[in-house]
């Protein structure tokens, strides 16, 4: 075998190794994009589990409060409407918006106990309020985990190669689940 043939075989071998390395890297990047997208989906499922728990508690809480606050009809209708909107929502974004609207209405519902002292002493109300507060804490934890997963995907999508591989894998930018504006304001305490 001549020296030229050996050199050509070495060059071809190096090119094959480089090609295989690039293909392997590309497959790895594609799989990384898919895995991140699946993580966002899984984290959203956890948020939905906790939101469902919250929505299952709401009718009981509303019925308990209705007995004391019969003239708060608009608030009860608003809560029922937002609960229905959540279950009708098809996209993550629309579910987030429906959930955010409900959070403000729930705050108003829980504030009713200040206007109705006998409600504060109602054992069912107190148990439901504790359960709802526990749900809200779980939702906050899952919302943070979801937002962390969205941040990872969105950051990857903004990188040079991430944009390419996320596009190839059909991975869209995630939407953060942010706190509603009404809850971002500082609460006013009156004495």
C-alpha atoms as a PDB file:
ATOM      1  CA  UNK A   1       0.000   0.000   0.000  1.00  0.00           C
ATOM      2  CA  UNK A   2       1.405   3.316  -0.988  1.00  0.00           C
ATOM      3  CA  UNK A   3       1.905   6.256   1.294  1.00  0.00           C
ATOM      4  CA  UNK A   4      -0.782   8.295  -0.541  1.00  0.00           C
ATOM      5  CA  UNK A   5      -3.395   5.561  -0.036  1.00  0.00           C
ATOM      6  CA  UNK A   6      -2.514   5.307   3.674  1.00  0.00           C
ATOM      7  CA  UNK A   7      -2.818   9.079   4.041  1.00  0.00           C
ATOM      8  CA  UNK A   8      -6.152   9.060   2.203  1.00  0.00           C
ATOM      9  CA  UNK A   9      -7.472   6.254   4.460  1.00  0.00           C
ATOM     10  CA  UNK A  10      -6.352   8.118   7.581  1.00  0.00           C
ATOM     11  CA  UNK A  11      -8.051  11.305   6.374  1.00  0.00           C
ATOM     12  CA  UNK A  12     -11.241   9.374   5.521  1.00  0.00           C
ATOM     13  CA  UNK A  13     -11.119   7.684   8.941  1.00  0.00           C
ATOM     14  CA  UNK A  14     -10.714  11.032  10.713  1.00  0.00           C
ATOM     15  CA  UNK A  15     -13.601  12.493   8.692  1.00  0.00           C
ATOM     16  CA  UNK A  16     -15.805   9.519   9.593  1.00  0.00           C
ATOM     17  CA  UNK A  17     -14.955   9.900  13.292  1.00  0.00           C
ATOM     18  CA  UNK A  18     -15.639  13.649  13.169  1.00  0.00           C
ATOM     19  CA  UNK A  19     -18.911  13.064  11.291  1.00  0.00           C
ATOM     20  CA  UNK A  20     -20.023  10.440  13.810  1.00  0.00           C
ATOM     21  CA  UNK A  21     -19.077  12.757  16.690  1.00  0.00           C
ATOM     22  CA  UNK A  22     -21.080  15.632  15.191  1.00  0.00           C
ATOM     23  CA  UNK A  23     -24.059  13.353  14.526  1.00  0.00           C
ATOM     24  CA  UNK A  24     -23.833  11.988  18.077  1.00  0.00           C
ATOM     25  CA  UNK A  25     -23.661  15.505  19.490  1.00  0.00           C
ATOM     26  CA  UNK A  26     -26.660  16.547  17.366  1.00  0.00           C
ATOM     27  CA  UNK A  27     -28.711  13.572  18.505  1.00  0.00           C
ATOM     28  CA  UNK A  28     -27.762  14.387  22.089  1.00  0.00           C
ATOM     29  CA  UNK A  29     -28.866  18.016  21.681  1.00  0.00           C
ATOM     30  CA  UNK A  30     -32.146  16.938  20.078  1.00  0.00           C
ATOM     31  CA  UNK A  31     -32.787  14.477  22.909  1.00  0.00           C
ATOM     32  CA  UNK A  32     -31.915  17.185  25.436  1.00  0.00           C
ATOM     33  CA  UNK A  33     -34.555  19.498  23.927  1.00  0.00           C
ATOM     34  CA  UNK A  34     -37.161  16.725  24.023  1.00  0.00           C
ATOM     35  CA  UNK A  35     -36.275  15.856  27.632  1.00  0.00           C
ATOM     36  CA  UNK A  36     -36.598  19.496  28.717  1.00  0.00           C
ATOM     37  CA  UNK A  37     -39.973  19.768  26.990  1.00  0.00           C
ATOM     38  CA  UNK A  38     -41.142  16.617  28.746  1.00  0.00           C
ATOM     39  CA  UNK A  39     -39.986  18.055  32.078  1.00  0.00           C
ATOM     40  CA  UNK A  40     -42.105  21.166  31.502  1.00  0.00           C
ATOM     41  CA  UNK A  41     -45.082  18.948  30.638  1.00  0.00           C
ATOM     42  CA  UNK A  42     -44.552  16.798  33.734  1.00  0.00           C
ATOM     43  CA  UNK A  43     -44.206  19.831  35.983  1.00  0.00           C
ATOM     44  CA  UNK A  44     -47.382  21.329  34.543  1.00  0.00           C
ATOM     45  CA  UNK A  45     -49.158  18.048  35.356  1.00  0.00           C
ATOM     46  CA  UNK A  46     -48.058  18.473  38.980  1.00  0.00           C
ATOM     47  CA  UNK A  47     -49.375  22.043  39.026  1.00  0.00           C
ATOM     48  CA  UNK A  48     -52.667  20.784  37.599  1.00  0.00           C
ATOM     49  CA  UNK A  49     -52.908  18.090  40.282  1.00  0.00           C
ATOM     50  CA  UNK A  50     -52.667  20.744  42.967  1.00  0.00           C
ATOM     51  CA  UNK A  51     -55.031  23.112  41.162  1.00  0.00           C
ATOM     52  CA  UNK A  52     -57.572  20.286  40.866  1.00  0.00           C
ATOM     53  CA  UNK A  53     -57.281  19.712  44.604  1.00  0.00           C
ATOM     54  CA  UNK A  54     -57.968  23.412  45.149  1.00  0.00           C
ATOM     55  CA  UNK A  55     -60.950  23.367  42.802  1.00  0.00           C
ATOM     56  CA  UNK A  56     -62.380  20.330  44.563  1.00  0.00           C
ATOM     57  CA  UNK A  57     -62.275  22.204  47.892  1.00  0.00           C
ATOM     58  CA  UNK A  58     -63.886  25.391  46.596  1.00  0.00           C
ATOM     59  CA  UNK A  59     -67.536  24.229  46.358  1.00  0.00           C
ATOM     60  CA  UNK A  60     -67.431  23.092  49.997  1.00  0.00           C
ATOM     61  CA  UNK A  61     -65.873  26.360  51.102  1.00  0.00           C
ATOM     62  CA  UNK A  62     -68.381  28.420  49.119  1.00  0.00           C
ATOM     63  CA  UNK A  63     -71.330  26.455  50.533  1.00  0.00           C
ATOM     64  CA  UNK A  64     -70.050  26.942  54.068  1.00  0.00           C
ATOM     65  CA  UNK A  65     -69.645  30.695  53.582  1.00  0.00           C
ATOM     66  CA  UNK A  66     -72.966  31.075  51.713  1.00  0.00           C
ATOM     67  CA  UNK A  67     -74.879  30.310  54.859  1.00  0.00           C
ATOM     68  CA  UNK A  68     -73.336  33.339  56.559  1.00  0.00           C
ATOM     69  CA  UNK A  69     -72.860  35.764  53.695  1.00  0.00           C
ATOM     70  CA  UNK A  70     -76.015  35.459  51.640  1.00  0.00           C
ATOM     71  CA  UNK A  71     -75.643  38.922  50.060  1.00  0.00           C
ATOM     72  CA  UNK A  72     -72.209  38.105  48.529  1.00  0.00           C
ATOM     73  CA  UNK A  73     -73.917  36.501  45.518  1.00  0.00           C
ATOM     74  CA  UNK A  74     -71.674  38.224  42.941  1.00  0.00           C
ATOM     75  CA  UNK A  75     -68.526  36.846  44.583  1.00  0.00           C
ATOM     76  CA  UNK A  76     -69.920  33.300  44.638  1.00  0.00           C
ATOM     77  CA  UNK A  77     -70.984  33.550  40.992  1.00  0.00           C
ATOM     78  CA  UNK A  78     -67.542  34.889  40.047  1.00  0.00           C
ATOM     79  CA  UNK A  79     -65.815  31.978  41.799  1.00  0.00           C
ATOM     80  CA  UNK A  80     -68.090  29.446  40.096  1.00  0.00           C
ATOM     81  CA  UNK A  81     -67.502  31.103  36.713  1.00  0.00           C
ATOM     82  CA  UNK A  82     -63.707  31.077  37.109  1.00  0.00           C
ATOM     83  CA  UNK A  83     -63.733  27.468  38.265  1.00  0.00           C
ATOM     84  CA  UNK A  84     -65.717  26.539  35.152  1.00  0.00           C
ATOM     85  CA  UNK A  85     -63.357  28.555  32.935  1.00  0.00           C
ATOM     86  CA  UNK A  86     -60.412  26.599  34.302  1.00  0.00           C
ATOM     87  CA  UNK A  87     -61.950  23.237  33.427  1.00  0.00           C
ATOM     88  CA  UNK A  88     -62.942  24.488  29.956  1.00  0.00           C
ATOM     89  CA  UNK A  89     -59.439  25.830  29.225  1.00  0.00           C
ATOM     90  CA  UNK A  90     -57.465  23.821  26.703  1.00  0.00           C
ATOM     91  CA  UNK A  91     -54.015  25.413  26.802  1.00  0.00           C
ATOM     92  CA  UNK A  92     -51.553  25.928  29.620  1.00  0.00           C
ATOM     93  CA  UNK A  93     -51.777  29.691  29.115  1.00  0.00           C
ATOM     94  CA  UNK A  94     -55.567  29.805  29.380  1.00  0.00           C
ATOM     95  CA  UNK A  95     -55.486  27.556  32.451  1.00  0.00           C
ATOM     96  CA  UNK A  96     -52.938  29.864  34.067  1.00  0.00           C
ATOM     97  CA  UNK A  97     -55.144  32.917  33.376  1.00  0.00           C
ATOM     98  CA  UNK A  98     -58.234  31.187  34.783  1.00  0.00           C
ATOM     99  CA  UNK A  99     -56.311  30.100  37.861  1.00  0.00           C
ATOM    100  CA  UNK A 100     -54.955  33.603  38.429  1.00  0.00           C
ATOM    101  CA  UNK A 101     -58.455  35.071  38.271  1.00  0.00           C
ATOM    102  CA  UNK A 102     -59.686  32.565  40.795  1.00  0.00           C
ATOM    103  CA  UNK A 103     -56.839  33.347  43.201  1.00  0.00           C
ATOM    104  CA  UNK A 104     -58.043  36.948  43.560  1.00  0.00           C
ATOM    105  CA  UNK A 105     -61.637  35.847  44.121  1.00  0.00           C
ATOM    106  CA  UNK A 106     -60.538  33.308  46.736  1.00  0.00           C
ATOM    107  CA  UNK A 107     -58.686  36.027  48.608  1.00  0.00           C
ATOM    108  CA  UNK A 108     -61.922  38.033  48.764  1.00  0.00           C
ATOM    109  CA  UNK A 109     -63.821  34.957  49.923  1.00  0.00           C
ATOM    110  CA  UNK A 110     -61.374  34.318  52.736  1.00  0.00           C
ATOM    111  CA  UNK A 111     -61.541  37.978  53.775  1.00  0.00           C
ATOM    112  CA  UNK A 112     -65.270  37.592  54.408  1.00  0.00           C
ATOM    113  CA  UNK A 113     -64.461  36.001  57.742  1.00  0.00           C
ATOM    114  CA  UNK A 114     -63.547  39.500  58.985  1.00  0.00           C
ATOM    115  CA  UNK A 115     -67.097  40.704  58.230  1.00  0.00           C
ATOM    116  CA  UNK A 116     -68.777  37.675  59.760  1.00  0.00           C
ATOM    117  CA  UNK A 117     -67.367  36.873  63.215  1.00  0.00           C
ATOM    118  CA  UNK A 118     -69.570  33.772  63.525  1.00  0.00           C
ATOM    119  CA  UNK A 119     -67.902  32.437  60.351  1.00  0.00           C
ATOM    120  CA  UNK A 120     -64.489  32.632  62.056  1.00  0.00           C
ATOM    121  CA  UNK A 121     -65.755  30.204  64.688  1.00  0.00           C
ATOM    122  CA  UNK A 122     -67.328  27.735  62.222  1.00  0.00           C
ATOM    123  CA  UNK A 123     -65.377  24.489  62.454  1.00  0.00           C
ATOM    124  CA  UNK A 124     -66.133  23.456  58.851  1.00  0.00           C
ATOM    125  CA  UNK A 125     -64.933  26.807  57.564  1.00  0.00           C
ATOM    126  CA  UNK A 126     -61.729  26.608  59.585  1.00  0.00           C
ATOM    127  CA  UNK A 127     -60.983  23.078  58.331  1.00  0.00           C
ATOM    128  CA  UNK A 128     -61.693  24.062  54.748  1.00  0.00           C
ATOM    129  CA  UNK A 129     -59.594  27.200  55.123  1.00  0.00           C
ATOM    130  CA  UNK A 130     -56.678  25.120  56.442  1.00  0.00           C
ATOM    131  CA  UNK A 131     -57.070  22.667  53.559  1.00  0.00           C
ATOM    132  CA  UNK A 132     -57.187  25.504  51.064  1.00  0.00           C
ATOM    133  CA  UNK A 133     -54.094  27.129  52.580  1.00  0.00           C
ATOM    134  CA  UNK A 134     -52.305  23.778  52.323  1.00  0.00           C
ATOM    135  CA  UNK A 135     -53.351  23.553  48.678  1.00  0.00           C
ATOM    136  CA  UNK A 136     -52.111  27.075  48.026  1.00  0.00           C
ATOM    137  CA  UNK A 137     -48.732  26.170  49.529  1.00  0.00           C
ATOM    138  CA  UNK A 138     -48.526  23.050  47.363  1.00  0.00           C
ATOM    139  CA  UNK A 139     -49.498  25.085  44.307  1.00  0.00           C
ATOM    140  CA  UNK A 140     -46.755  27.620  45.109  1.00  0.00           C
ATOM    141  CA  UNK A 141     -44.158  24.835  45.301  1.00  0.00           C
ATOM    142  CA  UNK A 142     -45.317  23.209  42.063  1.00  0.00           C
ATOM    143  CA  UNK A 143     -45.584  26.606  40.350  1.00  0.00           C
ATOM    144  CA  UNK A 144     -41.946  27.273  41.240  1.00  0.00           C
ATOM    145  CA  UNK A 145     -40.861  23.887  39.904  1.00  0.00           C
ATOM    146  CA  UNK A 146     -42.851  24.472  36.724  1.00  0.00           C
ATOM    147  CA  UNK A 147     -41.329  27.930  36.272  1.00  0.00           C
ATOM    148  CA  UNK A 148     -37.852  26.464  36.828  1.00  0.00           C
ATOM    149  CA  UNK A 149     -38.480  23.913  34.066  1.00  0.00           C
ATOM    150  CA  UNK A 150     -39.816  26.654  31.771  1.00  0.00           C
ATOM    151  CA  UNK A 151     -36.737  28.771  32.502  1.00  0.00           C
ATOM    152  CA  UNK A 152     -34.438  25.900  31.511  1.00  0.00           C
ATOM    153  CA  UNK A 153     -36.295  25.361  28.218  1.00  0.00           C
ATOM    154  CA  UNK A 154     -36.489  29.079  27.430  1.00  0.00           C
ATOM    155  CA  UNK A 155     -32.793  29.552  28.194  1.00  0.00           C
ATOM    156  CA  UNK A 156     -31.868  26.606  25.984  1.00  0.00           C
ATOM    157  CA  UNK A 157     -34.061  27.956  23.187  1.00  0.00           C
ATOM    158  CA  UNK A 158     -32.150  31.245  23.300  1.00  0.00           C
ATOM    159  CA  UNK A 159     -28.758  29.605  22.729  1.00  0.00           C
ATOM    160  CA  UNK A 160     -27.401  29.325  19.200  1.00  0.00           C
ATOM    161  CA  UNK A 161     -27.657  25.571  18.867  1.00  0.00           C
ATOM    162  CA  UNK A 162     -30.563  25.274  21.287  1.00  0.00           C
ATOM    163  CA  UNK A 163     -32.755  27.320  18.981  1.00  0.00           C
ATOM    164  CA  UNK A 164     -31.960  24.954  16.119  1.00  0.00           C
ATOM    165  CA  UNK A 165     -32.496  21.713  18.015  1.00  0.00           C
ATOM    166  CA  UNK A 166     -35.559  22.959  19.893  1.00  0.00           C
ATOM    167  CA  UNK A 167     -37.037  23.924  16.540  1.00  0.00           C
ATOM    168  CA  UNK A 168     -36.245  20.498  15.091  1.00  0.00           C
ATOM    169  CA  UNK A 169     -37.835  18.805  18.105  1.00  0.00           C
ATOM    170  CA  UNK A 170     -40.895  21.090  18.006  1.00  0.00           C
ATOM    171  CA  UNK A 171     -40.159  22.477  21.473  1.00  0.00           C
ATOM    172  CA  UNK A 172     -41.907  25.819  21.952  1.00  0.00           C
ATOM    173  CA  UNK A 173     -40.977  28.501  24.460  1.00  0.00           C
ATOM    174  CA  UNK A 174     -42.722  27.951  27.778  1.00  0.00           C
ATOM    175  CA  UNK A 175     -45.090  30.365  29.469  1.00  0.00           C
ATOM    176  CA  UNK A 176     -44.325  31.216  33.074  1.00  0.00           C
ATOM    177  CA  UNK A 177     -47.010  30.840  35.708  1.00  0.00           C
ATOM    178  CA  UNK A 178     -46.706  34.210  37.375  1.00  0.00           C
ATOM    179  CA  UNK A 179     -48.427  35.576  40.431  1.00  0.00           C
ATOM    180  CA  UNK A 180     -51.495  37.652  39.528  1.00  0.00           C
ATOM    181  CA  UNK A 181     -50.988  41.416  39.811  1.00  0.00           C
ATOM    182  CA  UNK A 182     -53.631  41.642  42.527  1.00  0.00           C
ATOM    183  CA  UNK A 183     -51.532  39.396  44.767  1.00  0.00           C
ATOM    184  CA  UNK A 184     -48.297  41.266  44.114  1.00  0.00           C
ATOM    185  CA  UNK A 185     -49.547  44.392  45.884  1.00  0.00           C
ATOM    186  CA  UNK A 186     -48.683  44.804  49.541  1.00  0.00           C
ATOM    187  CA  UNK A 187     -51.633  43.988  51.779  1.00  0.00           C
ATOM    188  CA  UNK A 188     -53.101  46.891  53.711  1.00  0.00           C
ATOM    189  CA  UNK A 189     -53.509  46.291  57.413  1.00  0.00           C
ATOM    190  CA  UNK A 190     -56.038  48.504  59.202  1.00  0.00           C
ATOM    191  CA  UNK A 191     -56.384  48.736  62.951  1.00  0.00           C
END
